[in-house]
């Protein structure tokens, strides 16, 4: 992992997301297992994630690019967008490190596929360094090492 003040790598992000998910399930499994709203879950997930990204903020459903609303396409003729969670620095020229889309275990597969495509667009068009789709299983195995993380976390990277 990088030193203090350096941008996290894809591998760092993967580790941070795994650790944050384990803590989410440890602290908040009740709301996940009882099918609480995605918004309720992502709030807790964002609070946990922010502890891993030194110098960055985690915001839920943040729809701004500086002071302007965020769109895919040209200006307000494009589609308004706001990922479940973003890891960024709040300032006019945001350092958009990571966009995260969270899906629960019972979300239809075609909607999960749309989320994955949208995360690729965040990287391509909105210049996020990375984007991730996180699929929340109903529960984590104990110990969590037994989970197939490649089925849970998908990361897309901007290759400038």
Protein backbone atom coordinates (compact mmCIF):
# COMPACT_ATOMS: atom_id res chain seq x y z
CA UNK A 1 0.00 0.00 0.00
CA UNK A 2 1.01 3.58 -0.61
CA UNK A 3 2.51 5.94 1.91
CA UNK A 4 0.68 8.84 3.54
CA UNK A 5 -0.60 11.36 0.99
CA UNK A 6 -0.17 9.09 -2.05
CA UNK A 7 -3.15 8.08 -4.19
CA UNK A 8 -4.42 4.58 -3.47
CA UNK A 9 -3.81 1.98 -6.17
CA UNK A 10 -6.36 -0.51 -7.50
CA UNK A 11 -4.94 -3.09 -5.11
CA UNK A 12 -5.29 -0.66 -2.19
CA UNK A 13 -8.91 0.02 -3.13
CA UNK A 14 -9.63 -3.71 -3.34
CA UNK A 15 -8.22 -4.23 0.17
CA UNK A 16 -10.05 -1.18 1.56
CA UNK A 17 -13.38 -2.34 0.11
CA UNK A 18 -12.92 -5.85 1.52
CA UNK A 19 -12.08 -4.54 4.99
CA UNK A 20 -14.96 -2.07 4.89
CA UNK A 21 -17.41 -4.80 3.83
CA UNK A 22 -16.30 -7.09 6.63
CA UNK A 23 -16.79 -4.25 9.14
CA UNK A 24 -20.16 -3.37 7.57
CA UNK A 25 -21.38 -6.93 8.11
CA UNK A 26 -19.88 -7.10 11.58
CA UNK A 27 -21.54 -3.81 12.68
CA UNK A 28 -24.71 -3.71 10.54
CA UNK A 29 -25.64 -7.23 9.41
CA UNK A 30 -29.14 -6.78 10.80
CA UNK A 31 -30.10 -4.10 8.26
CA UNK A 32 -28.58 -6.09 5.38
CA UNK A 33 -30.18 -9.41 6.28
CA UNK A 34 -33.56 -7.75 6.84
CA UNK A 35 -33.49 -6.13 3.40
CA UNK A 36 -33.22 -2.47 4.47
CA UNK A 37 -33.04 0.05 1.64
CA UNK A 38 -29.84 0.34 -0.36
CA UNK A 39 -29.62 3.97 0.76
CA UNK A 40 -29.65 2.98 4.45
CA UNK A 41 -26.91 0.43 3.86
CA UNK A 42 -24.73 2.71 1.72
CA UNK A 43 -24.84 5.39 4.42
CA UNK A 44 -23.18 3.01 6.88
CA UNK A 45 -20.81 1.65 4.23
CA UNK A 46 -19.67 5.20 3.32
CA UNK A 47 -19.00 6.01 6.97
CA UNK A 48 -16.80 2.93 7.25
CA UNK A 49 -15.03 3.40 3.90
CA UNK A 50 -13.99 6.96 4.64
CA UNK A 51 -11.72 5.71 7.45
CA UNK A 52 -9.54 3.92 4.87
CA UNK A 53 -9.04 6.83 2.45
CA UNK A 54 -6.81 9.39 4.13
CA UNK A 55 -7.42 12.90 2.79
CA UNK A 56 -10.65 11.98 0.97
CA UNK A 57 -14.34 12.36 1.77
CA UNK A 58 -17.02 9.73 1.23
CA UNK A 59 -20.37 11.11 0.07
CA UNK A 60 -23.61 9.24 -0.60
CA UNK A 61 -25.53 10.04 -3.81
CA UNK A 62 -23.42 13.13 -4.44
CA UNK A 63 -24.62 14.75 -7.66
CA UNK A 64 -22.15 17.60 -8.16
CA UNK A 65 -19.10 18.28 -10.25
CA UNK A 66 -17.73 21.26 -8.36
CA UNK A 67 -20.87 23.41 -8.03
CA UNK A 68 -22.53 22.08 -11.20
CA UNK A 69 -24.82 19.06 -11.38
CA UNK A 70 -23.19 15.90 -12.73
CA UNK A 71 -24.33 14.69 -16.19
CA UNK A 72 -23.35 12.10 -18.77
CA UNK A 73 -23.41 13.80 -22.14
CA UNK A 74 -23.43 17.49 -23.01
CA UNK A 75 -24.51 19.80 -20.20
CA UNK A 76 -28.09 19.54 -19.02
CA UNK A 77 -29.12 17.66 -22.16
CA UNK A 78 -27.27 14.64 -20.77
CA UNK A 79 -28.47 12.20 -18.13
CA UNK A 80 -28.12 13.33 -14.48
CA UNK A 81 -26.05 10.91 -12.46
CA UNK A 82 -25.16 10.30 -8.86
CA UNK A 83 -23.37 7.16 -7.72
CA UNK A 84 -24.28 5.47 -4.44
CA UNK A 85 -20.95 6.53 -2.90
CA UNK A 86 -18.04 8.60 -4.11
CA UNK A 87 -14.61 8.95 -2.60
CA UNK A 88 -13.29 12.39 -3.56
CA UNK A 89 -11.96 15.70 -2.42
CA UNK A 90 -14.62 18.39 -2.23
CA UNK A 91 -13.40 21.42 -4.13
CA UNK A 92 -14.05 23.02 -7.54
CA UNK A 93 -11.59 20.73 -9.34
CA UNK A 94 -12.57 17.58 -7.51
CA UNK A 95 -10.14 14.73 -7.21
CA UNK A 96 -12.67 12.01 -8.01
CA UNK A 97 -10.91 8.89 -6.86
CA UNK A 98 -13.67 6.29 -6.72
CA UNK A 99 -17.37 5.92 -7.57
CA UNK A 100 -19.16 2.97 -5.96
CA UNK A 101 -22.45 1.38 -6.90
CA UNK A 102 -23.84 -0.99 -4.26
CA UNK A 103 -26.33 -3.76 -5.04
CA UNK A 104 -28.04 -6.12 -2.64
CA UNK A 105 -28.15 -9.87 -3.19
CA UNK A 106 -31.76 -9.71 -4.42
CA UNK A 107 -31.32 -7.07 -7.14
CA UNK A 108 -32.21 -8.42 -10.61
CA UNK A 109 -29.15 -9.44 -12.64
CA UNK A 110 -30.02 -7.11 -15.56
CA UNK A 111 -30.02 -4.12 -13.17
CA UNK A 112 -26.66 -5.20 -11.77
CA UNK A 113 -25.34 -5.36 -15.34
CA UNK A 114 -26.62 -1.80 -15.94
CA UNK A 115 -24.79 -0.69 -12.78
CA UNK A 116 -21.57 -2.21 -14.13
CA UNK A 117 -21.98 -0.39 -17.44
CA UNK A 118 -22.68 2.87 -15.63
CA UNK A 119 -19.52 2.47 -13.54
CA UNK A 120 -17.51 2.07 -16.74
CA UNK A 121 -19.06 5.36 -17.91
CA UNK A 122 -18.00 7.10 -14.70
CA UNK A 123 -14.42 6.18 -15.44
CA UNK A 124 -14.62 6.96 -19.15
CA UNK A 125 -16.68 10.16 -19.23
CA UNK A 126 -16.55 11.67 -15.74
CA UNK A 127 -12.84 10.94 -15.28
CA UNK A 128 -13.04 9.03 -12.03
CA UNK A 129 -9.77 7.24 -11.35
CA UNK A 130 -11.73 4.08 -10.53
CA UNK A 131 -15.27 2.82 -10.15
CA UNK A 132 -16.51 -0.24 -8.30
CA UNK A 133 -19.62 -2.36 -8.25
CA UNK A 134 -20.13 -4.06 -4.90
CA UNK A 135 -22.66 -6.88 -4.63
CA UNK A 136 -23.76 -7.43 -1.04
CA UNK A 137 -24.48 -11.06 -0.20
CA UNK A 138 -27.25 -11.61 2.35
CA UNK A 139 -24.56 -12.65 4.82
CA UNK A 140 -20.83 -13.17 4.87
CA UNK A 141 -19.41 -16.60 5.60
CA UNK A 142 -17.57 -17.01 8.87
CA UNK A 143 -14.64 -16.61 8.50
CA UNK A 144 -15.02 -14.02 5.71
CA UNK A 145 -11.84 -15.33 4.00
CA UNK A 146 -14.03 -18.01 2.45
CA UNK A 147 -15.98 -15.53 0.34
CA UNK A 148 -15.25 -15.41 -3.38
CA UNK A 149 -14.34 -11.71 -3.51
CA UNK A 150 -14.26 -11.68 -7.32
CA UNK A 151 -18.04 -12.28 -7.19
CA UNK A 152 -18.54 -9.37 -4.78
CA UNK A 153 -16.23 -6.54 -5.91
CA UNK A 154 -15.69 -5.42 -9.52
CA UNK A 155 -13.28 -2.52 -10.08
CA UNK A 156 -12.94 -0.52 -13.30
CA UNK A 157 -9.93 1.70 -13.83
CA UNK A 158 -9.21 4.83 -15.86
CA UNK A 159 -6.18 4.07 -18.07
CA UNK A 160 -5.52 7.73 -18.97
